[in-house]
Protein backbone atom coordinates (compact mmCIF):
# COMPACT_ATOMS: atom_id res chain seq x y z
CA MET A 1 77.56 52.01 -24.46
CA GLY A 2 78.93 48.68 -23.82
CA GLU A 3 78.22 45.89 -26.13
CA PHE A 4 75.03 43.74 -25.92
CA VAL A 5 75.61 40.24 -24.62
CA PRO A 6 72.62 38.09 -25.02
CA ARG A 7 71.66 36.55 -21.83
CA PRO A 8 70.37 32.75 -21.68
CA LYS A 9 66.97 32.31 -20.50
CA THR A 10 63.79 29.45 -20.93
CA LEU A 11 60.80 29.88 -22.53
CA GLY A 12 58.50 27.40 -21.04
CA GLY A 13 60.03 24.07 -19.69
CA ASP A 14 63.58 23.48 -21.24
CA ILE A 15 63.44 25.50 -24.31
CA PRO A 16 66.31 28.00 -24.21
CA CYS A 17 65.82 31.62 -25.65
CA LEU A 18 67.86 35.03 -25.73
CA ASP A 19 66.93 38.19 -23.98
CA SER A 20 67.22 40.36 -26.95
CA PRO A 21 64.72 42.97 -27.86
CA GLU A 22 63.45 41.16 -30.81
CA LEU A 23 62.95 37.76 -28.85
CA ALA A 24 61.54 39.90 -25.78
CA ARG A 25 58.92 41.12 -28.09
CA LYS A 26 58.11 37.82 -29.73
CA ARG A 27 57.87 36.34 -26.31
CA GLN A 28 55.29 39.19 -25.37
CA LYS A 29 52.89 38.33 -28.56
CA ALA A 30 53.21 34.72 -27.53
CA LEU A 31 51.92 35.35 -24.11
CA SER A 32 49.27 37.93 -25.48
CA ALA A 33 47.78 35.28 -27.90
CA ARG A 34 47.56 32.58 -25.24
CA ALA A 35 45.90 35.15 -22.89
CA GLU A 36 43.34 35.75 -25.67
CA LEU A 37 42.72 32.16 -26.34
CA ARG A 38 42.28 31.39 -22.58
CA ALA A 39 39.57 34.47 -22.57
CA GLU A 40 38.03 32.67 -25.68
CA ARG A 41 37.89 29.32 -24.39
CA LEU A 42 36.55 30.83 -21.41
CA LEU A 43 33.89 32.31 -23.00
CA ARG A 44 32.62 29.25 -24.97
CA ALA A 45 32.85 27.23 -22.14
CA GLU A 46 30.66 28.85 -19.77
CA PRO A 47 27.60 26.64 -19.74
CA ASN A 48 24.98 29.42 -19.31
CA LEU A 49 24.02 32.75 -18.80
CA GLU A 50 20.42 31.75 -18.05
CA THR A 51 18.85 30.84 -14.78
CA THR A 52 16.56 28.32 -13.85
CA VAL A 53 14.56 30.55 -11.68
CA GLU A 54 10.80 31.42 -13.09
CA THR A 55 9.38 34.74 -13.23
CA GLN A 56 7.29 35.32 -10.28
CA ALA A 57 4.86 37.84 -11.91
CA ASP A 58 3.31 38.10 -14.98
CA GLY A 59 5.50 40.75 -16.42
CA ALA A 60 3.26 43.76 -15.27
CA PRO A 61 4.60 47.00 -17.14
CA LEU A 62 6.67 49.02 -14.95
CA PHE A 63 8.02 51.44 -17.06
CA HIS A 64 6.31 53.57 -20.17
CA ILE A 65 8.27 55.79 -22.30
CA SER A 66 6.28 57.93 -24.99
CA ASP A 67 7.81 60.59 -27.55
CA LEU A 68 10.54 61.60 -25.08
CA SER A 69 13.02 64.11 -26.20
CA ALA A 70 15.90 64.65 -23.76
CA GLY A 71 19.59 66.34 -23.73
CA TYR A 72 21.53 69.11 -22.31
CA ASP A 73 20.77 72.87 -21.71
CA LYS A 74 17.75 72.52 -23.72
CA LYS A 75 19.35 71.06 -26.52
CA VAL A 76 17.87 67.87 -27.97
CA VAL A 77 20.19 65.14 -28.12
CA VAL A 78 17.74 62.07 -28.76
CA GLU A 79 13.97 62.18 -29.68
CA GLY A 80 11.09 60.42 -30.47
CA VAL A 81 11.64 57.81 -28.01
CA ASP A 82 9.00 55.09 -27.36
CA LEU A 83 9.91 52.37 -24.90
CA GLU A 84 7.74 49.99 -22.18
CA VAL A 85 9.90 48.05 -20.11
CA ARG A 86 7.92 44.81 -17.97
CA ALA A 87 8.93 43.70 -14.73
CA GLY A 88 11.27 40.81 -14.94
CA ASP A 89 12.54 41.80 -18.50
CA VAL A 90 16.31 42.75 -19.26
CA VAL A 91 16.59 45.22 -21.81
CA ALA A 92 19.87 46.33 -23.67
CA LEU A 93 20.76 49.38 -25.29
CA ILE A 94 23.15 49.08 -28.26
CA GLY A 95 24.53 51.62 -30.59
CA PRO A 96 27.65 53.73 -31.65
CA ASN A 97 29.36 56.19 -29.20
CA GLY A 98 27.39 59.73 -29.01
CA SER A 99 24.16 57.84 -30.07
CA GLY A 100 21.94 58.97 -27.15
CA LYS A 101 22.06 55.63 -24.99
CA SER A 102 23.53 57.72 -21.99
CA THR A 103 21.14 60.61 -22.11
CA ILE A 104 18.18 58.20 -22.49
CA LEU A 105 19.40 56.45 -19.14
CA LYS A 106 19.76 59.94 -17.23
CA THR A 107 16.51 60.92 -18.40
CA ILE A 108 14.89 58.07 -17.01
CA THR A 109 16.80 58.00 -13.47
CA ARG A 110 16.01 62.00 -13.10
CA HIS A 111 19.29 63.25 -13.74
CA LEU A 112 18.00 65.21 -16.43
CA ALA A 113 14.89 66.51 -16.81
CA PRO A 114 12.91 65.72 -20.27
CA LEU A 115 12.60 68.17 -22.71
CA ALA A 116 9.49 66.62 -24.06
CA GLY A 117 7.36 63.61 -23.79
CA ALA A 118 6.80 61.16 -20.67
CA VAL A 119 8.45 59.10 -18.65
CA GLU A 120 5.98 57.26 -16.12
CA LEU A 121 7.12 54.20 -13.51
CA ASP A 122 3.52 52.68 -12.36
CA GLY A 123 1.62 54.75 -14.34
CA ARG A 124 2.66 57.72 -12.74
CA GLU A 125 5.23 60.80 -13.96
CA ILE A 126 8.52 60.45 -12.66
CA SER A 127 8.79 63.88 -11.59
CA ARG A 128 5.67 63.43 -9.02
CA TRP A 129 7.51 60.72 -6.79
CA LYS A 130 9.11 61.59 -3.82
CA THR A 131 12.98 61.12 -3.50
CA ALA A 132 13.20 58.64 -0.87
CA GLU A 133 10.19 56.96 -2.89
CA PHE A 134 11.65 57.05 -5.83
CA ALA A 135 15.04 55.72 -4.45
CA ARG A 136 12.99 52.61 -3.11
CA ASN A 137 11.69 51.78 -6.64
CA LEU A 138 14.83 52.48 -8.85
CA ALA A 139 18.67 52.18 -8.43
CA VAL A 140 21.08 52.99 -10.61
CA MET A 141 24.56 52.61 -11.49
CA LEU A 142 26.16 55.04 -14.15
CA THR A 143 29.89 55.18 -15.63
CA ASP A 144 30.82 57.56 -13.35
CA ARG A 145 32.84 56.80 -9.83
CA PRO A 146 31.97 58.42 -6.58
CA ARG A 147 35.16 60.14 -5.21
CA THR A 148 35.30 59.14 -1.71
CA GLU A 149 37.61 59.88 1.50
CA LEU A 150 38.11 57.16 4.39
CA LEU A 151 34.99 55.20 3.32
CA THR A 152 35.68 51.55 3.07
CA CYS A 153 33.77 49.31 0.64
CA ARG A 154 31.15 47.85 2.81
CA ASP A 155 30.32 51.94 3.63
CA VAL A 156 29.64 52.49 0.18
CA VAL A 157 27.25 49.62 -0.24
CA GLU A 158 25.58 50.56 2.99
CA ALA A 159 24.61 53.80 0.95
CA GLY A 160 22.14 51.65 -0.96
CA ARG A 161 20.21 51.16 2.25
CA HIS A 162 19.61 55.12 3.16
CA PRO A 163 16.64 55.53 1.02
CA TYR A 164 15.13 52.82 4.09
CA THR A 165 16.32 54.50 7.18
CA GLY A 166 15.60 57.43 9.12
CA ARG A 167 16.93 61.19 9.26
CA MET A 168 19.96 59.57 10.92
CA GLY A 169 20.62 57.00 8.38
CA THR A 170 20.94 54.32 11.23
CA LEU A 171 21.06 50.93 9.71
CA SER A 172 18.99 48.40 11.48
CA PRO A 173 19.55 44.50 11.72
CA ASP A 174 17.92 43.53 8.74
CA ASP A 175 19.36 46.61 6.68
CA HIS A 176 22.75 44.73 7.67
CA SER A 177 21.55 41.53 6.65
CA ARG A 178 20.76 42.66 2.80
CA VAL A 179 24.15 44.68 2.76
CA ASP A 180 25.78 41.12 3.62
CA GLU A 181 23.56 39.66 0.87
CA ALA A 182 24.22 42.14 -1.42
CA MET A 183 27.98 41.86 -1.43
CA LYS A 184 27.82 38.33 -1.26
CA THR A 185 25.78 38.43 -4.66
CA ALA A 186 27.73 40.50 -6.24
CA HIS A 187 31.03 38.48 -4.76
CA VAL A 188 32.73 41.66 -3.40
CA GLU A 189 32.94 39.88 0.44
CA GLU A 190 36.58 39.92 0.79
CA LEU A 191 36.73 43.81 -0.33
CA ALA A 192 34.40 44.85 2.87
CA GLU A 193 37.23 46.67 4.76
CA ARG A 194 39.05 47.95 1.82
CA ASP A 195 39.25 51.59 1.09
CA PHE A 196 36.96 52.30 -1.91
CA MET A 197 39.79 54.37 -3.35
CA GLN A 198 42.20 51.95 -3.29
CA ILE A 199 40.88 49.13 -5.22
CA SER A 200 40.89 48.75 -9.05
CA ASP A 201 38.25 50.16 -11.41
CA GLY A 202 37.07 46.75 -11.86
CA GLN A 203 36.49 45.83 -8.21
CA ARG A 204 34.71 49.60 -7.79
CA GLN A 205 32.50 48.41 -10.52
CA ARG A 206 31.37 45.39 -8.66
CA VAL A 207 31.26 47.61 -5.69
CA MET A 208 28.71 49.58 -6.72
CA LEU A 209 26.59 46.51 -8.47
CA ALA A 210 26.58 45.76 -5.02
CA ARG A 211 25.41 48.83 -3.63
CA ALA A 212 22.59 48.93 -6.42
CA ILE A 213 21.44 45.19 -5.30
CA ALA A 214 21.41 46.63 -1.50
CA GLN A 215 18.91 49.30 -2.72
CA ASP A 216 16.49 46.43 -3.12
CA PRO A 217 15.08 48.12 -6.04
CA ARG A 218 12.44 47.12 -8.88
CA VAL A 219 14.11 48.71 -11.69
CA LEU A 220 17.75 48.72 -11.79
CA VAL A 221 19.18 51.13 -14.88
CA LEU A 222 22.96 50.61 -15.50
CA ASP A 223 25.26 52.27 -18.00
CA GLU A 224 27.64 50.07 -19.56
CA PRO A 225 27.85 47.68 -16.65
CA THR A 226 30.39 45.47 -18.15
CA SER A 227 33.53 48.48 -18.45
CA TYR A 228 36.67 47.98 -16.57
CA LEU A 229 36.05 44.36 -16.24
CA ASP A 230 37.75 41.26 -17.43
CA ILE A 231 36.04 38.57 -19.42
CA ARG A 232 35.17 36.33 -16.02
CA TYR A 233 33.45 39.03 -14.30
CA GLN A 234 31.28 40.31 -17.66
CA ILE A 235 29.84 37.28 -17.47
CA ASP A 236 29.50 36.74 -14.02
CA LEU A 237 27.83 40.07 -14.07
CA LEU A 238 25.38 39.51 -16.59
CA ARG A 239 24.19 35.95 -15.11
CA ILE A 240 23.68 37.97 -11.88
CA LEU A 241 21.52 40.82 -13.45
CA ARG A 242 19.34 38.00 -15.33
CA HIS A 243 18.86 36.23 -12.08
CA LEU A 244 17.60 39.46 -10.04
CA ALA A 245 15.44 39.78 -13.26
CA LYS A 246 13.93 36.36 -13.12
CA SER A 247 13.77 35.56 -9.08
CA ARG A 248 12.81 39.09 -8.06
CA ASN A 249 11.09 40.41 -10.92
CA VAL A 250 13.25 43.34 -11.60
CA ALA A 251 13.10 45.32 -14.94
CA VAL A 252 16.63 45.91 -15.83
CA ILE A 253 17.90 48.41 -18.43
CA MET A 254 21.24 48.91 -19.70
CA SER A 255 23.47 50.22 -22.25
CA ILE A 256 26.18 47.60 -23.11
CA HIS A 257 28.80 47.66 -26.15
CA GLU A 258 29.89 43.79 -25.82
CA LEU A 259 27.07 42.97 -28.93
CA GLU A 260 27.79 39.08 -28.02
CA LEU A 261 27.16 39.29 -24.51
CA ALA A 262 23.83 41.34 -25.26
CA GLN A 263 22.86 38.84 -27.56
CA LYS A 264 22.87 36.43 -24.87
CA SER A 265 21.60 38.24 -21.81
CA ALA A 266 18.97 40.54 -23.15
CA ASP A 267 15.15 40.21 -23.69
CA LYS A 268 14.88 42.84 -25.51
CA VAL A 269 17.37 45.18 -27.66
CA ILE A 270 16.94 48.70 -28.64
CA CYS A 271 18.77 50.01 -31.51
CA VAL A 272 19.71 53.87 -30.99
CA LYS A 273 21.19 55.71 -33.68
CA ASP A 274 21.92 59.38 -34.61
CA GLY A 275 19.80 60.57 -31.60
CA ARG A 276 16.69 58.07 -32.48
CA VAL A 277 15.36 54.74 -31.57
CA PHE A 278 16.58 53.01 -34.87
CA ARG A 279 15.02 49.56 -33.98
CA ALA A 280 13.60 47.47 -31.32
CA GLY A 281 12.99 43.84 -30.76
CA ALA A 282 14.03 40.58 -29.66
CA PRO A 283 17.62 39.55 -30.27
CA GLU A 284 17.20 36.97 -32.86
CA ASP A 285 16.01 39.70 -34.89
CA ILE A 286 18.34 42.34 -33.72
CA PHE A 287 21.25 40.54 -34.58
CA THR A 288 21.64 39.99 -37.99
CA ARG A 289 24.00 41.18 -40.86
CA GLU A 290 21.86 43.85 -42.19
CA THR A 291 20.82 45.42 -38.82
CA ILE A 292 24.03 45.59 -37.68
CA GLY A 293 25.94 46.89 -40.37
CA GLU A 294 23.40 49.87 -40.74
CA LEU A 295 23.33 50.53 -37.13
CA TYR A 296 26.93 50.87 -36.79
CA GLY A 297 27.60 52.34 -40.41
CA LEU A 298 29.60 49.07 -41.56
CA ASN A 299 29.51 48.18 -45.20
CA MET A 300 28.72 44.73 -45.29
CA ALA A 301 28.30 43.60 -48.65
CA PRO A 302 25.46 41.36 -48.95
CA SER A 303 25.38 37.34 -48.21
CA THR A 304 25.06 34.83 -51.13
CA SER A 305 22.02 33.46 -48.98
CA ALA A 306 19.14 35.62 -47.72
CA SER A 307 19.20 33.40 -44.79
CA ALA A 308 22.71 34.24 -43.69
CA ALA A 309 24.27 34.57 -40.50
CA TRP A 310 25.27 38.04 -39.00
CA LYS A 311 29.18 35.96 -37.83
CA LEU A 312 31.19 38.33 -35.83
CA ASP A 313 34.39 36.65 -34.07
CA ALA A 314 34.08 37.61 -30.73
CA ARG A 315 37.45 38.59 -29.80
CA THR A 316 37.60 40.98 -32.62
CA ALA A 317 34.02 42.17 -31.78
CA MET A 318 35.43 43.45 -28.50
CA ARG A 319 38.25 45.24 -29.80
CA THR A 320 37.74 46.60 -33.08
CA ARG A 321 34.65 49.21 -32.83
CA SER A 322 36.45 51.71 -35.14
CA SER A 323 37.24 48.94 -38.13
CA SER A 324 36.59 48.87 -41.65
CA PRO A 325 34.63 45.81 -43.04
CA ALA A 326 35.88 43.42 -45.60
CA GLN A 327 34.10 40.29 -47.06
CA VAL A 328 36.21 37.33 -47.22
CA ARG A 329 34.95 34.09 -48.63
CA GLY A 330 31.49 35.24 -47.88
CA ARG A 331 32.01 35.91 -44.12
CA LEU A 332 32.40 39.17 -42.11
CA CYS A 333 35.34 39.98 -40.66
CA PHE A 334 37.14 43.06 -39.33
CA ALA A 335 40.76 44.02 -41.08
CA SER A 336 41.52 46.66 -38.03
CA SER A 337 43.90 49.36 -38.40
CA SER A 338 45.33 47.99 -35.07
CA GLY A 339 48.28 45.25 -35.72
CA ARG A 340 47.18 43.42 -32.71
CA ALA A 341 43.32 43.10 -34.15
CA ARG A 342 44.96 41.95 -37.62
CA ARG A 343 46.87 39.04 -36.05
CA SER A 344 43.78 37.96 -34.13
CA THR A 345 41.90 37.85 -37.17
CA ARG A 346 44.60 36.38 -39.72
CA ALA A 347 42.98 32.73 -39.01
CA PHE A 348 39.77 33.93 -40.20
CA CYS A 349 40.62 36.73 -43.16
CA THR A 350 42.79 34.68 -45.42
CA LYS A 351 42.98 35.31 -49.21
CA GLY A 352 42.59 32.31 -51.47
CA THR A 353 42.59 28.91 -50.10
CA SER A 354 42.75 28.83 -46.46
CA THR A 355 43.85 25.90 -44.79
CA ALA A 356 41.80 23.33 -43.15
CA SER A 357 42.62 24.62 -39.42
CA SER A 358 42.02 28.19 -40.48
CA ARG A 359 38.87 26.50 -41.64
CA ALA A 360 38.01 24.74 -38.57
CA THR A 361 38.88 27.69 -36.33
CA TRP A 362 36.31 30.28 -38.04
CA ARG A 363 33.47 27.60 -37.93
CA ARG A 364 34.65 27.54 -34.39
CA ASN A 365 34.43 31.15 -33.50
CA ALA A 366 31.61 32.34 -35.89
CA TRP A 367 27.99 33.13 -34.40
CA PRO A 368 25.15 30.81 -35.41
CA SER A 369 22.36 32.75 -37.87
CA ALA A 370 19.31 32.27 -35.50
CA PRO A 371 20.08 31.10 -31.82
CA SER A 372 17.52 28.82 -30.88
CA SER A 373 17.98 30.27 -26.94
CA ARG A 374 19.85 32.63 -25.09
CA SER A 375 20.53 29.77 -22.24
CA GLY A 376 24.19 29.41 -22.98
CA ILE A 377 27.43 31.22 -23.93
CA GLU A 378 28.26 28.33 -26.09
CA PRO A 379 27.29 29.71 -29.65
């Protein structure tokens, strides 16, 4: 092997650097830190997840679930579920992986038959609805991606109009207009003629959302809709869902892992743990140190104040779902086994006397104890 000869380069502006493996690693770390900072600033700069549109109706009950037990092959996965969803509500299901969130969603969308209990839409058991009629009232977007051949993204979105067509599946001018509107709402117009199998997972997610919107449902069920999306489109998707709920009186039911986004977007939060509904309520009642700690099995030390906030760094929360907790200076941080996550929390998880900049950074990133509203992304 030849002798290594450093090759001169520049690292931004006129600052020279050598392309050695060590410097390359440091440069990559710096670029990652900059990307994280930009994402954080974007998250905090977004002014609003709310919509100024008022709900059209008085929130009449649409879905009613009573004493539901659900599972696979007659094996109960989740039981004792009671839930009422009204028109215009955005309901978020949160909880650990494997707790039963997806099982609940698949049962209320008729992908699974209930093992016990009742699921009613407009006061009628969902099993008594005809398939086409049920599809005109409820749309679903699951984590599974359809495998298509030679179908464009527009073809996939047009499938959302099939419950309204005849046996030949011919779309009317009104159907085409609704497809155009749905693609515009989901910001996928530029993907219309692209092959559905040749776009990214995040783009497919947005196309599937457009398909659900084109279905013009009264109830929209989504399983982890923010998966595969970057922070910009996560915020955008949740804003679209809130707009649909408030402007068209659509009841939105979704499972979500991004707690800070659930806090900002949901009207009601359902905590699912060990196959049961652990707790349900408004976001300001659910997102407390004690509730989140008990839900996810985190050993959170009691705060010095009974009314202390659940404070969670947004970047760390999205990356460290399998982290061990540590209490530092009376605040919650996550000391993750991931070196990258440790670096991201170093400014917040310092021992002894922290610097003024570290304290300022922590205050800027900490969530408030009792958010006065969910009207802004700015905590």
